[in-house]
Amino acid sequence: MSRSFDAIIVGAGQAGTPLAGRLAAMGMKVALVERHHVGGTCVNTGCKPTKTMVASAYAAHLARRGADYGVGTGAITVDLAKVHARAEKVILDSRTSNEDWLAGMDGLTLLRGQARFTGPHELIVGNETITAPRVFLNVGGRPAIPDLPGVGDVPHLTNSGMIALTEPPEHLVVVGGSYIGLEFAQMFCRFGSKVSIVEMGPRLIAREDEAVSEAIRDILEGEGITVRTSAKCITLARGETGIIVGVDCTDGDPQIEGSHVLLATGRRPNTDDLGLDVAGIATDKRGYIIVDDSLATSVDGVWAMGDCNGKGAFTHTAWNDYEIVAANLLDGEARKVSDRLLGYALYIDPPLGRVGLTLAQAKETGRPLLYAQRPMTKVGRAVEKDETLGFMSLIADAETKKILGAAILGTGGDEAIHAILNLMNAGAAVDTLRWAVPIHPTVSELLPTLAGDLAPL
């Protein structure tokens, strides 16, 4: 059986579904292929469920601090089964909404199954062959399982397994000190688990500035989480009562025994079973599909969007990939990935909001710099909320006065960072921020003060 379409989209994630809507609205006959759940990682195992669980963990943490606010709360308990059920409802509501939208779309055919190339513009799904002059890949990624000694001999969890838990682990050992691992570490500590983090590198979230890494470590250790860095030789083995994680660190016990192990050591693209070589679509050594500035692959008429192209690992970058492809193909524009200004957040509590260059990256440019940093203890809104951990920092070019980057590690940091992100997108000079008149009392109101504190490095 064979069918022809105007366009084929492989993957119903955050770029694939809106693109299907745009193409179908243009009168095209579109095939959308999905082998698992509509909505991709964000809806099913990523942002939606994890941030729902983060909210529950925050509620538990705040309730335990009730006395600090003059509020009597009594004994605080966490029913993880109810937390799980709440997260599942958020997943299903979002997934169903997406499916209902697609089902009502004229010109769209949703095919369930694994897609594999049999030619540059021909794929097989089940026992059906489909062809189209335009093919869009939005196949996402999955957890990368590290090649650690013993990894195949012990049970271990990834992010999808963590959101399926209905009882908190007695002792959760998180292997990997980056964004996903840190969010789950704090979350389950607040749910009542003993938590240890094991990181091979010398510090947590190594892509951030050292001051940010150290502040985050202090926050986590302040809640009772054990952090072990410089773990050069991590091993896994079964113990008498759990799982033994071998840790070759500069100090501390040589091993940790936990009840559960979360492997949070990065992600890999879902490109190894697509038959890309048959189609002639080039990938890099890590399996990411190589694309140009317009997201076109090495084969004419084939584009790659989202996590599988290595140009971003976030829902918002996948969405922006869709915007770039749609604008260029349908609206006569010439948008480029290189024009994208990347912002992102780490959703521990307090959250980290980030945009642009780190201080270390800015120094590498060799440009004269202006820098300012202010602790959250000097932010009135943070003091009023009694959430004063962290700091905010700002970097600007001393000659052009353009904002180069910022970090807000503190209450509301994931929202306040957008004041800077938007100015950077507009190409505004830092004085535009300095002379703004923000609302009081907010976290954002300290940003003009921060701009006024800028001084040469």
Protein backbone atom coordinates (compact mmCIF):
# COMPACT_ATOMS: atom_id res chain seq x y z
CA MET A 1 0.00 0.00 0.00
CA SER A 2 1.34 3.43 -0.95
CA ARG A 3 0.12 6.97 -0.50
CA SER A 4 1.44 10.34 -1.63
CA PHE A 5 1.30 13.57 0.37
CA ASP A 6 2.40 17.15 -0.06
CA ALA A 7 4.37 16.92 3.18
CA ILE A 8 5.39 14.28 5.71
CA ILE A 9 6.21 15.19 9.31
CA VAL A 10 7.86 12.53 11.44
CA GLY A 11 7.24 13.19 15.12
CA ALA A 12 4.29 14.91 16.81
CA GLY A 13 6.36 16.99 19.21
CA GLN A 14 6.56 20.70 19.85
CA ALA A 15 7.67 21.56 16.30
CA GLY A 16 5.82 18.87 14.37
CA THR A 17 2.24 19.53 15.46
CA PRO A 18 2.14 23.30 14.84
CA LEU A 19 3.87 22.82 11.48
CA ALA A 20 1.19 20.26 10.57
CA GLY A 21 -1.41 22.89 11.40
CA ARG A 22 0.23 25.56 9.24
CA LEU A 23 0.72 23.27 6.26
CA ALA A 24 -2.81 21.86 6.45
CA ALA A 25 -4.21 25.39 6.72
CA MET A 26 -2.43 26.18 3.44
CA GLY A 27 -4.42 23.39 1.79
CA MET A 28 -1.66 20.81 1.77
CA LYS A 29 -2.21 17.09 2.21
CA VAL A 30 -0.09 16.26 5.29
CA ALA A 31 0.97 12.98 6.93
CA LEU A 32 2.01 13.25 10.58
CA VAL A 33 3.74 10.10 11.86
CA GLU A 34 4.01 9.37 15.58
CA ARG A 35 5.22 6.08 17.06
CA HIS A 36 4.46 6.86 20.69
CA HIS A 37 2.51 9.71 22.28
CA VAL A 38 1.42 12.98 20.67
CA GLY A 39 3.08 15.96 22.32
CA GLY A 40 6.65 14.72 22.46
CA THR A 41 8.95 14.79 25.48
CA CYS A 42 7.62 18.06 26.89
CA VAL A 43 4.05 16.87 27.29
CA ASN A 44 4.67 13.24 28.21
CA THR A 45 7.91 12.88 30.19
CA GLY A 46 9.44 16.36 30.36
CA CYS A 47 8.26 19.87 31.14
CA LYS A 48 4.59 19.22 31.87
CA PRO A 49 4.89 16.41 34.43
CA THR A 50 8.19 17.47 36.00
CA LYS A 51 7.17 21.08 36.61
CA THR A 52 3.87 19.82 38.01
CA MET A 53 5.87 17.71 40.47
CA VAL A 54 8.20 20.62 41.21
CA ALA A 55 5.12 22.62 42.23
CA SER A 56 4.06 19.85 44.63
CA ALA A 57 7.58 19.70 46.08
CA TYR A 58 7.55 23.47 46.58
CA ALA A 59 4.19 23.24 48.36
CA ALA A 60 5.61 20.63 50.74
CA HIS A 61 8.71 22.73 51.37
CA LEU A 62 6.71 25.89 52.02
CA ALA A 63 4.33 24.04 54.33
CA ARG A 64 7.28 22.80 56.40
CA ARG A 65 8.40 26.41 56.71
CA GLY A 66 4.97 27.58 57.86
CA ALA A 67 6.25 28.61 61.29
CA ASP A 68 8.66 31.04 59.62
CA TYR A 69 5.60 32.95 58.38
CA GLY A 70 3.60 32.65 61.60
CA VAL A 71 1.48 29.84 60.21
CA GLY A 72 0.83 26.62 62.12
CA THR A 73 0.71 23.59 59.84
CA GLY A 74 1.18 20.50 61.97
CA ALA A 75 2.91 17.41 60.62
CA ILE A 76 3.56 17.57 56.87
CA THR A 77 3.17 14.44 54.79
CA VAL A 78 3.58 13.81 51.07
CA ASP A 79 1.34 11.37 49.22
CA LEU A 80 3.45 10.67 46.14
CA ALA A 81 0.67 8.61 44.60
CA LYS A 82 -1.49 11.76 44.55
CA VAL A 83 1.41 13.82 43.24
CA HIS A 84 1.81 11.25 40.47
CA ALA A 85 -1.92 11.28 39.71
CA ARG A 86 -1.88 15.07 39.43
CA ALA A 87 1.05 14.94 37.02
CA GLU A 88 -0.65 12.22 34.98
CA LYS A 89 -3.77 14.37 34.66
CA VAL A 90 -1.69 17.27 33.36
CA ILE A 91 -0.06 14.92 30.83
CA LEU A 92 -3.32 13.40 29.64
CA ASP A 93 -5.15 16.73 29.43
CA SER A 94 -2.40 18.21 27.27
CA ARG A 95 -2.00 15.10 25.12
CA THR A 96 -5.75 14.79 24.57
CA SER A 97 -6.03 18.45 23.67
CA ASN A 98 -3.33 17.99 21.03
CA GLU A 99 -4.95 14.84 19.67
CA ASP A 100 -8.38 16.47 19.46
CA TRP A 101 -6.89 19.43 17.61
CA LEU A 102 -5.16 17.18 15.11
CA ALA A 103 -8.27 15.02 14.64
CA GLY A 104 -10.27 18.07 13.57
CA MET A 105 -7.68 19.25 11.08
CA ASP A 106 -8.72 19.04 7.41
CA GLY A 107 -6.06 17.55 5.18
CA LEU A 108 -4.13 15.85 7.99
CA THR A 109 -3.58 12.11 8.32
CA LEU A 110 -2.14 10.94 11.66
CA LEU A 111 -0.24 7.67 11.22
CA ARG A 112 0.74 5.64 14.27
CA GLY A 113 3.96 3.67 14.00
CA GLN A 114 7.69 3.73 13.37
CA ALA A 115 8.81 5.61 10.26
CA ARG A 116 11.88 4.53 8.31
CA PHE A 117 13.35 5.98 5.13
CA THR A 118 13.48 3.82 2.02
CA GLY A 119 14.58 6.75 -0.14
CA PRO A 120 15.17 10.52 0.19
CA HIS A 121 11.44 11.32 0.13
CA GLU A 122 9.95 7.89 0.77
CA LEU A 123 9.25 6.26 4.13
CA ILE A 124 7.60 3.10 5.31
CA VAL A 125 5.25 3.09 8.32
CA GLY A 126 4.05 -0.37 9.23
CA ASN A 127 3.05 -1.99 5.96
CA GLU A 128 2.43 1.33 4.19
CA THR A 129 4.77 3.36 2.01
CA ILE A 130 4.34 7.14 2.02
CA THR A 131 6.01 9.72 -0.18
CA ALA A 132 6.18 13.52 -0.30
CA PRO A 133 8.37 16.22 -1.86
CA ARG A 134 8.83 17.77 1.61
CA VAL A 135 9.82 15.81 4.71
CA PHE A 136 10.22 17.31 8.19
CA LEU A 137 11.91 15.39 11.01
CA ASN A 138 10.91 16.16 14.59
CA VAL A 139 11.88 12.89 16.24
CA GLY A 140 13.23 14.28 19.53
CA GLY A 141 15.62 12.57 21.90
CA ARG A 142 15.86 10.18 24.82
CA PRO A 143 18.06 9.71 27.90
CA ALA A 144 21.63 8.73 27.16
CA ILE A 145 22.63 5.72 29.27
CA PRO A 146 26.29 6.13 30.25
CA ASP A 147 28.74 3.31 29.67
CA LEU A 148 29.52 2.81 33.36
CA PRO A 149 30.86 -0.43 34.81
CA GLY A 150 27.90 -2.46 36.07
CA VAL A 151 25.23 -0.30 34.45
CA GLY A 152 23.66 -3.34 32.83
CA ASP A 153 23.61 -5.31 36.08
CA VAL A 154 21.44 -3.05 38.23
CA PRO A 155 18.00 -1.48 37.86
CA HIS A 156 18.14 2.22 37.14
CA LEU A 157 15.77 5.09 36.44
CA THR A 158 15.66 7.86 33.86
CA ASN A 159 13.38 10.90 33.83
CA SER A 160 10.41 8.87 32.57
CA GLY A 161 10.83 6.34 35.38
CA MET A 162 11.06 9.09 37.98
CA ILE A 163 7.70 10.61 37.07
CA ALA A 164 6.10 7.14 37.28
CA LEU A 165 7.09 6.60 40.93
CA THR A 166 4.21 6.47 43.41
CA GLU A 167 6.38 6.08 46.53
CA PRO A 168 9.49 8.12 47.34
CA PRO A 169 12.77 6.17 47.28
CA GLU A 170 14.40 5.62 50.64
CA HIS A 171 17.72 6.85 49.25
CA LEU A 172 17.92 8.22 45.72
CA VAL A 173 21.39 8.42 44.17
CA VAL A 174 21.46 10.80 41.20
CA VAL A 175 24.31 10.17 38.77
CA GLY A 176 24.81 13.46 36.92
CA GLY A 177 24.94 16.96 38.32
CA SER A 178 23.25 18.86 35.52
CA TYR A 179 19.79 20.32 34.97
CA ILE A 180 17.55 17.23 34.95
CA GLY A 181 19.42 15.55 37.78
CA LEU A 182 19.34 18.60 40.04
CA GLU A 183 15.61 19.16 39.56
CA PHE A 184 14.78 15.58 40.52
CA ALA A 185 17.29 15.62 43.38
CA GLN A 186 15.70 18.59 45.14
CA MET A 187 12.17 17.47 44.25
CA PHE A 188 12.54 14.04 45.85
CA CYS A 189 14.43 15.42 48.83
CA ARG A 190 11.34 17.53 49.49
CA PHE A 191 9.16 14.46 48.99
CA GLY A 192 11.03 12.82 51.85
CA SER A 193 13.84 10.82 50.21
CA LYS A 194 17.44 10.87 51.27
CA VAL A 195 19.29 12.14 48.18
CA SER A 196 22.90 12.00 47.02
CA ILE A 197 24.25 13.56 43.80
CA VAL A 198 27.32 12.10 42.10
CA GLU A 199 28.96 14.26 39.43
CA MET A 200 32.06 13.28 37.45
CA GLY A 201 33.15 16.89 36.91
CA PRO A 202 34.63 19.24 39.49
CA ARG A 203 31.36 21.17 39.94
CA LEU A 204 27.65 21.07 39.23
CA ILE A 205 26.20 22.38 35.93
CA ALA A 206 29.62 23.04 34.46
CA ARG A 207 28.28 25.20 31.59
CA GLU A 208 27.36 27.90 34.10
CA ASP A 209 29.73 30.31 35.81
CA GLU A 210 31.48 28.97 38.87
CA ALA A 211 29.64 31.40 41.17
CA VAL A 212 26.31 30.02 39.95
CA SER A 213 27.47 26.42 40.38
CA GLU A 214 28.68 27.02 43.90
CA ALA A 215 25.53 28.90 44.91
CA ILE A 216 23.36 26.06 43.64
CA ARG A 217 25.47 23.52 45.50
CA ASP A 218 25.02 25.55 48.70
CA ILE A 219 21.24 25.64 48.15
CA LEU A 220 21.00 21.89 47.67
CA GLU A 221 23.32 21.01 50.52
CA GLY A 222 21.37 23.41 52.71
CA GLU A 223 18.35 21.15 52.24
CA GLY A 224 20.30 18.07 53.26
CA ILE A 225 21.33 16.75 49.84
CA THR A 226 24.78 15.17 49.67
CA VAL A 227 26.83 16.37 46.69
CA ARG A 228 29.89 14.45 45.52
CA THR A 229 31.88 16.04 42.69
CA SER A 230 35.09 14.96 40.93
CA ALA A 231 33.76 11.39 40.82
CA LYS A 232 36.25 10.18 38.23
CA CYS A 233 35.39 6.49 38.31
CA ILE A 234 31.68 5.82 38.81
CA THR A 235 30.60 2.18 39.05
CA LEU A 236 27.30 0.44 39.76
CA ALA A 237 26.76 -2.86 41.57
CA ARG A 238 24.11 -4.70 43.55
CA GLY A 239 24.41 -4.46 47.31
CA GLU A 240 22.79 -6.45 50.09
CA THR A 241 19.98 -3.94 50.51
CA GLY A 242 20.19 -1.77 47.41
CA ILE A 243 22.50 -0.43 44.72
CA ILE A 244 26.11 0.48 45.40
CA VAL A 245 27.49 3.44 43.48
CA GLY A 246 31.26 3.48 43.47
CA VAL A 247 32.69 6.99 43.68
CA ASP A 248 36.37 7.78 43.16
CA CYS A 249 36.40 11.30 44.61
CA THR A 250 39.10 13.37 46.24
CA ASP A 251 37.48 12.85 49.65
CA GLY A 252 34.59 11.08 51.35
CA ASP A 253 33.47 7.45 51.37
CA PRO A 254 34.50 5.49 48.25
CA GLN A 255 30.94 4.27 47.70
CA ILE A 256 27.30 5.18 48.32
CA GLU A 257 24.57 2.61 48.80
CA GLY A 258 21.10 3.73 47.73
CA SER A 259 17.71 2.19 47.14
CA HIS A 260 17.28 3.76 43.68
CA VAL A 261 19.63 5.22 41.06
CA LEU A 262 18.68 7.94 38.58
CA LEU A 263 20.93 8.21 35.53
CA ALA A 264 20.82 11.86 34.45
CA THR A 265 23.88 12.14 32.24
CA GLY A 266 22.48 13.78 29.14
CA ARG A 267 20.32 12.88 26.17
CA ARG A 268 20.77 11.45 22.68
CA PRO A 269 18.77 12.01 19.47
CA ASN A 270 16.22 9.47 18.23
CA THR A 271 17.91 9.13 14.86
CA ASP A 272 19.51 5.69 14.94
CA ASP A 273 16.49 3.76 13.60
CA LEU A 274 15.21 6.14 10.89
CA GLY A 275 17.26 4.79 8.01
CA LEU A 276 18.90 8.18 7.51
CA ASP A 277 21.81 6.60 5.67
CA VAL A 278 19.42 5.16 3.08
CA ALA A 279 18.05 8.65 2.46
CA GLY A 280 21.52 10.20 2.37
CA ILE A 281 20.81 12.46 5.36
CA ALA A 282 24.05 13.35 7.14
CA THR A 283 24.52 13.17 10.90
CA ASP A 284 27.38 14.12 13.18
CA LYS A 285 29.33 11.65 15.33
CA ARG A 286 26.75 11.94 18.13
CA GLY A 287 23.86 11.13 15.83
CA TYR A 288 22.43 14.64 15.50
CA ILE A 289 21.10 15.51 12.06
CA ILE A 290 23.32 18.12 10.42
CA VAL A 291 21.34 21.19 9.35
CA ASP A 292 22.16 24.59 7.93
CA ASP A 293 21.00 27.95 9.26
CA SER A 294 17.51 27.38 7.85
CA LEU A 295 17.28 23.86 9.36
CA ALA A 296 17.62 22.19 5.96
CA THR A 297 19.46 18.84 5.97
CA SER A 298 21.98 17.54 3.44
CA VAL A 299 19.06 16.30 1.27
CA ASP A 300 16.97 18.82 -0.64
CA GLY A 301 13.42 18.97 0.60
CA VAL A 302 14.19 17.51 4.05
CA TRP A 303 14.37 19.57 7.24
CA ALA A 304 15.11 18.63 10.87
CA MET A 305 13.59 20.41 13.86
CA GLY A 306 13.80 20.10 17.62
CA ASP A 307 16.13 18.02 19.76
CA CYS A 308 17.29 15.79 16.89
CA ASN A 309 19.24 18.59 15.16
CA GLY A 310 21.52 19.53 18.05
CA LYS A 311 20.62 23.22 17.78
CA GLY A 312 18.69 23.33 21.04
CA ALA A 313 17.41 21.03 23.76
CA PHE A 314 14.33 22.90 24.91
CA THR A 315 10.66 23.08 24.10
CA HIS A 316 11.01 26.75 23.22
CA THR A 317 13.87 26.11 20.78
CA ALA A 318 11.85 23.35 19.11
CA TRP A 319 8.93 25.76 18.77
CA ASN A 320 11.26 28.38 17.33
CA ASP A 321 12.54 25.78 14.85
CA TYR A 322 8.94 25.41 13.65
CA GLU A 323 8.62 29.18 13.39
CA ILE A 324 11.80 29.44 11.30
CA VAL A 325 10.79 26.65 8.90
CA ALA A 326 7.21 27.93 8.52
CA ALA A 327 8.28 31.55 8.03
CA ASN A 328 10.82 30.65 5.37
CA LEU A 329 8.67 28.17 3.44
CA LEU A 330 5.26 29.80 3.74
CA ASP A 331 5.79 33.49 4.47
CA GLY A 332 8.67 34.38 2.18
CA GLU A 333 11.04 35.25 5.02
CA ALA A 334 14.69 34.35 5.52
CA ARG A 335 14.95 33.55 9.19
CA LYS A 336 18.04 31.85 10.60
CA VAL A 337 18.86 29.73 13.62
CA SER A 338 21.96 31.85 14.23
CA ASP A 339 19.73 34.86 14.92
CA ARG A 340 18.22 33.08 17.92
CA LEU A 341 19.04 34.45 21.35
CA LEU A 342 19.00 31.53 23.74
CA GLY A 343 17.43 31.77 27.17
CA TYR A 344 16.65 28.91 29.52
CA ALA A 345 15.96 28.04 33.14
CA LEU A 346 16.90 25.50 35.78
CA TYR A 347 13.81 24.67 37.82
CA ILE A 348 15.21 24.04 41.23
CA ASP A 349 13.93 26.32 43.99
CA PRO A 350 14.89 29.10 43.72
CA PRO A 351 15.06 28.85 39.92
CA LEU A 352 17.90 29.98 37.70
CA GLY A 353 16.97 32.15 34.72
CA ARG A 354 19.69 32.54 32.10
CA VAL A 355 20.16 34.41 28.85
CA GLY A 356 23.13 35.12 26.60
CA LEU A 357 26.77 34.67 27.57
CA THR A 358 28.12 33.54 30.90
CA LEU A 359 30.82 35.72 32.42
CA ALA A 360 33.46 33.17 31.42
CA GLN A 361 32.21 33.19 27.81
CA ALA A 362 32.14 36.99 27.74
CA LYS A 363 35.74 37.13 28.95
CA GLU A 364 36.76 34.81 26.12
CA THR A 365 35.62 37.41 23.57
CA GLY A 366 38.42 39.72 24.66
CA ARG A 367 36.01 42.65 24.71
CA PRO A 368 36.07 45.24 27.53
CA LEU A 369 33.28 44.30 29.89
CA LEU A 370 30.97 45.80 32.49
CA TYR A 371 29.70 43.52 35.25
CA ALA A 372 27.37 43.78 38.22
CA GLN A 373 26.15 41.30 40.80
CA ARG A 374 23.60 41.75 43.58
CA PRO A 375 22.57 39.22 46.22
CA MET A 376 18.89 38.38 46.57
CA THR A 377 19.14 39.51 50.19
CA LYS A 378 19.10 43.05 48.71
CA VAL A 379 15.89 42.43 46.76
CA GLY A 380 12.90 43.66 48.73
CA ARG A 381 10.42 41.23 47.20
CA ALA A 382 12.68 38.30 48.08
CA VAL A 383 13.01 39.56 51.65
CA GLU A 384 9.24 39.93 51.97
CA LYS A 385 8.75 36.37 50.75
CA ASP A 386 11.62 35.16 52.97
CA GLU A 387 13.21 33.59 49.91
CA THR A 388 16.57 35.32 49.73
CA LEU A 389 18.87 32.61 48.40
CA GLY A 390 20.85 33.35 45.25
CA PHE A 391 21.89 36.44 43.32
CA MET A 392 21.41 38.30 40.05
CA SER A 393 24.17 39.31 37.65
CA LEU A 394 24.47 41.31 34.44
CA ILE A 395 27.17 41.60 31.76
CA ALA A 396 27.49 44.34 29.14
CA ASP A 397 29.97 45.41 26.51
CA ALA A 398 31.84 48.45 27.89
CA GLU A 399 32.13 50.10 24.47
CA THR A 400 28.81 49.37 22.75
CA LYS A 401 26.78 49.18 26.00
CA LYS A 402 24.96 46.16 24.55
CA ILE A 403 23.78 43.60 27.09
CA LEU A 404 25.73 40.37 26.65
CA GLY A 405 24.15 38.10 29.25
CA ALA A 406 22.50 37.75 32.61
CA ALA A 407 21.76 35.23 35.33
CA ILE A 408 19.05 35.45 37.96
CA LEU A 409 19.31 32.70 40.55
CA GLY A 410 16.51 33.55 42.94
CA THR A 411 12.81 33.62 43.55
CA GLY A 412 11.03 34.50 40.31
CA GLY A 413 14.29 34.31 38.37
CA ASP A 414 12.74 32.26 35.56
CA GLU A 415 10.22 35.07 34.93
CA ALA A 416 12.34 38.15 35.73
CA ILE A 417 15.02 37.11 33.23
CA HIS A 418 12.62 37.93 30.39
CA ALA A 419 12.98 41.65 31.04
CA ILE A 420 16.61 41.29 29.98
CA LEU A 421 15.94 38.71 27.27
CA ASN A 422 13.44 41.01 25.57
CA LEU A 423 15.82 43.98 25.65
CA MET A 424 18.57 41.84 24.15
CA ASN A 425 16.23 40.68 21.39
CA ALA A 426 15.43 44.31 20.68
CA GLY A 427 19.14 45.18 20.54
CA ALA A 428 18.67 47.82 23.25
CA ALA A 429 21.60 49.32 25.13
CA VAL A 430 21.89 48.64 28.83
CA ASP A 431 20.93 52.26 29.64
CA THR A 432 17.44 51.42 28.38
CA LEU A 433 17.20 49.03 31.32
CA ARG A 434 18.85 51.47 33.70
CA TRP A 435 16.22 54.17 33.16
CA ALA A 436 13.17 51.90 33.20
CA VAL A 437 10.56 52.46 35.94
CA PRO A 438 9.52 48.97 37.10
CA ILE A 439 6.65 47.99 39.38
CA HIS A 440 7.27 47.83 43.13
CA PRO A 441 7.56 45.41 44.86
CA THR A 442 8.88 42.89 42.37
CA VAL A 443 12.09 40.99 41.73
CA SER A 444 12.37 42.75 38.37
CA GLU A 445 12.47 46.18 39.98
CA LEU A 446 16.09 45.59 40.98
CA LEU A 447 17.21 45.14 37.38
CA PRO A 448 17.59 48.91 36.70
CA THR A 449 19.59 49.16 39.93
CA LEU A 450 21.71 46.24 38.77
CA ALA A 451 22.33 48.06 35.49
CA GLY A 452 23.35 51.14 37.43
CA ASP A 453 25.86 49.04 39.39
CA LEU A 454 27.73 47.97 36.25
CA ALA A 455 31.46 48.55 36.61
CA PRO A 456 34.53 47.64 34.52
CA LEU A 457 36.00 44.23 35.19
